[in-house]
């Protein structure tokens, strides 16, 4: 067996043992929220949301959802004192992993931003379709960088970036625990 294959097998065993030792429970609250979003699909499992990043007055958390035929990354972006943004079905989420792999995910449908109490906090809750292969990457690699693309003409230029894919917020994930949160939840949704 080659050294690379041996390392991959050992890494998979380590991740599997870590996941087996943690509590992987179906989150009833996320299950209900996902089922409300996916009226046309039967939701089987949903993980509890875990923080992905926190930057000044913005924070993101993620969860994984499994329907009968698909996997989804549920994402919550909360912004304090922000202008309303919408995440349309052509606004991607670009994620860079520690091994320099990059994946681009698209929401299953457009989601308009909503203000919640207190009224100064704006929340977006899109669900991005994830293939099993992408989910396995989440289960093995820490996340280092996230770009959230959105639609809005009201966000000031110094708070956003623009490239070929559109307008985005850019988040570097420095907290080691946040980098690894998706590893645990992805492993849970694979085994639940």
Foldseek 3Di string as FASTA:
>chain_A
DDPVVVVVVVLVVVLLVVLVPDDQDFDPVVLVVVCVVCVPWHWDGKGDWDWQADDDQKTKIWIWTDTPPFIKIKMKIKGFQFDWWKQAQLWWKWWAWPVRDIDIWGFPGIWTWDADPVRRMIMTITITTDDLVRLVVLLRTFTFKIKTGTDDPPGDPVQWDADPSGITGIDGHDDPCSRNPSNNNSSSVVVD
